[in-house]
Amino acid sequence: MARSAGFGGSHEAGSPENPFVITEAADSVEAQHRARVRKYMLIMSVRFPALILSAVAYGVWGNPWISMAIIGVSIPLPWIAVLIANDRPPRSKDEPSRYDHHEAESNAIAPPSNHTIES
């Protein structure tokens, strides 16, 4: 997103009169990593309290099914935490797509020729 030249300035982005706008720049790799680690730690920090909550629920209601349901909900949490932590930020609309959307040729490999040898 370049600014227009003002008062006889240069139209070239990056010149002293027209600096680059960096407010829409992507986060650094370190900042993205810190955010992913925070998400992972937050999700994984729910697991241990879930075990305590299941023990408390069993003590209060005496129903093992409620405790098993709480434990059952906490079982996929490590898998979910890893998937979320390994995910990259969503692509912006300005980021180019690497797929060119052309149809593949139907005859990419030539069909074998059936020559008959007659004697």
Protein backbone atom coordinates (compact mmCIF):
# COMPACT_ATOMS: atom_id res chain seq x y z
CA MET A 1 0.00 0.00 0.00
CA ALA A 2 1.94 2.97 -1.25
CA ARG A 3 1.15 6.56 -0.45
CA SER A 4 0.68 9.16 -3.09
CA ALA A 5 3.37 11.76 -3.53
CA GLY A 6 2.59 14.97 -1.76
CA PHE A 7 3.81 18.48 -2.52
CA GLY A 8 6.22 17.57 -5.31
CA GLY A 9 7.61 14.48 -3.58
CA SER A 10 8.68 11.26 -5.22
CA HIS A 11 6.10 8.61 -6.13
CA GLU A 12 8.63 5.85 -5.45
CA ALA A 13 7.82 3.89 -2.30
CA GLY A 14 10.72 3.79 0.10
CA SER A 15 12.02 7.25 -0.67
CA PRO A 16 12.41 9.72 2.22
CA GLU A 17 9.31 11.58 1.06
CA ASN A 18 7.27 8.38 0.71
CA PRO A 19 8.39 5.75 3.25
CA PHE A 20 7.15 2.16 3.28
CA VAL A 21 4.06 1.55 5.37
CA ILE A 22 4.91 -1.27 7.75
CA THR A 23 1.77 -1.31 9.90
CA GLU A 24 0.45 -4.25 7.88
CA ALA A 25 3.71 -6.18 8.00
CA ALA A 26 3.54 -9.78 9.22
CA ASP A 27 4.72 -10.62 12.71
CA SER A 28 8.29 -11.80 13.05
CA VAL A 29 8.99 -15.51 13.26
CA GLU A 30 9.89 -15.14 16.94
CA ALA A 31 6.60 -13.37 17.73
CA GLN A 32 4.64 -16.06 15.89
CA HIS A 33 6.51 -18.77 17.83
CA ARG A 34 5.81 -17.07 21.17
CA ALA A 35 2.11 -16.82 20.32
CA ARG A 36 1.98 -20.50 19.37
CA VAL A 37 3.78 -21.53 22.58
CA ARG A 38 1.30 -19.48 24.64
CA LYS A 39 -1.65 -21.19 22.93
CA TYR A 40 -0.08 -24.62 23.52
CA MET A 41 0.62 -23.92 27.18
CA LEU A 42 -2.89 -22.55 27.72
CA ILE A 43 -4.56 -25.63 26.24
CA MET A 44 -2.27 -28.06 28.03
CA SER A 45 -2.76 -26.25 31.35
CA VAL A 46 -6.42 -27.32 31.25
CA ARG A 47 -5.53 -31.01 31.39
CA PHE A 48 -4.35 -31.34 34.98
CA PRO A 49 -7.23 -29.31 36.45
CA ALA A 50 -9.61 -31.55 34.48
CA LEU A 51 -8.28 -34.57 36.38
CA ILE A 52 -8.74 -32.75 39.68
CA LEU A 53 -12.24 -31.66 38.60
CA SER A 54 -13.16 -35.25 37.73
CA ALA A 55 -12.07 -36.41 41.21
CA VAL A 56 -14.05 -33.60 42.83
CA ALA A 57 -17.11 -34.41 40.69
CA TYR A 58 -16.92 -38.05 41.73
CA GLY A 59 -16.67 -37.03 45.38
CA VAL A 60 -19.62 -34.65 45.14
CA TRP A 61 -22.06 -36.64 43.00
CA GLY A 62 -20.70 -40.16 43.35
CA ASN A 63 -21.38 -40.74 39.67
CA PRO A 64 -18.43 -42.24 37.76
CA TRP A 65 -19.95 -41.32 34.39
CA ILE A 66 -19.54 -37.60 35.04
CA SER A 67 -15.90 -38.13 36.02
CA MET A 68 -15.28 -40.28 32.94
CA ALA A 69 -16.89 -37.63 30.72
CA ILE A 70 -14.55 -34.95 32.11
CA ILE A 71 -11.56 -37.23 31.58
CA GLY A 72 -12.82 -38.13 28.10
CA VAL A 73 -12.97 -34.45 27.14
CA SER A 74 -9.38 -33.97 28.32
CA ILE A 75 -7.98 -36.90 26.30
CA PRO A 76 -7.79 -35.14 22.88
CA LEU A 77 -6.37 -31.91 24.38
CA PRO A 78 -2.68 -32.74 23.64
CA TRP A 79 -3.52 -33.55 20.02
CA ILE A 80 -5.53 -30.33 19.66
CA ALA A 81 -2.76 -28.31 21.33
CA VAL A 82 -0.12 -29.66 18.96
CA LEU A 83 -2.27 -28.99 15.89
CA ILE A 84 -2.96 -25.42 16.96
CA ALA A 85 0.66 -24.78 17.97
CA ASN A 86 2.03 -26.05 14.65
CA ASP A 87 -0.41 -24.05 12.55
CA ARG A 88 0.86 -20.98 10.73
CA PRO A 89 -1.05 -17.71 10.71
CA PRO A 90 -3.69 -17.43 7.98
CA ARG A 91 -2.56 -16.11 4.63
CA SER A 92 -3.43 -12.58 3.70
CA LYS A 93 -5.42 -11.90 0.56
CA ASP A 94 -2.40 -10.14 -0.92
CA GLU A 95 -0.15 -13.20 -0.57
CA PRO A 96 0.25 -14.88 -3.94
CA SER A 97 -1.08 -18.34 -4.51
CA ARG A 98 1.45 -20.89 -5.70
CA TYR A 99 -1.06 -22.96 -7.66
CA ASP A 100 -1.65 -21.62 -11.17
CA HIS A 101 -5.17 -23.12 -11.52
CA HIS A 102 -4.54 -24.49 -15.03
CA GLU A 103 -6.12 -27.77 -16.02
CA ALA A 104 -3.63 -30.60 -16.33
CA GLU A 105 -3.17 -31.98 -19.79
CA SER A 106 -5.23 -35.10 -20.30
CA ASN A 107 -2.52 -36.72 -22.44
CA ALA A 108 0.44 -36.09 -20.20
CA ILE A 109 1.74 -39.58 -20.98
CA ALA A 110 1.34 -40.70 -24.57
CA PRO A 111 -0.70 -43.87 -24.98
CA PRO A 112 1.27 -46.90 -26.14
CA SER A 113 1.20 -47.56 -29.85
CA ASN A 114 -0.15 -50.97 -30.81
CA HIS A 115 1.96 -51.99 -33.80
CA THR A 116 1.24 -55.44 -35.17
CA ILE A 117 4.08 -57.31 -36.79
CA GLU A 118 2.90 -59.32 -39.76
CA SER A 119 5.06 -61.90 -41.50
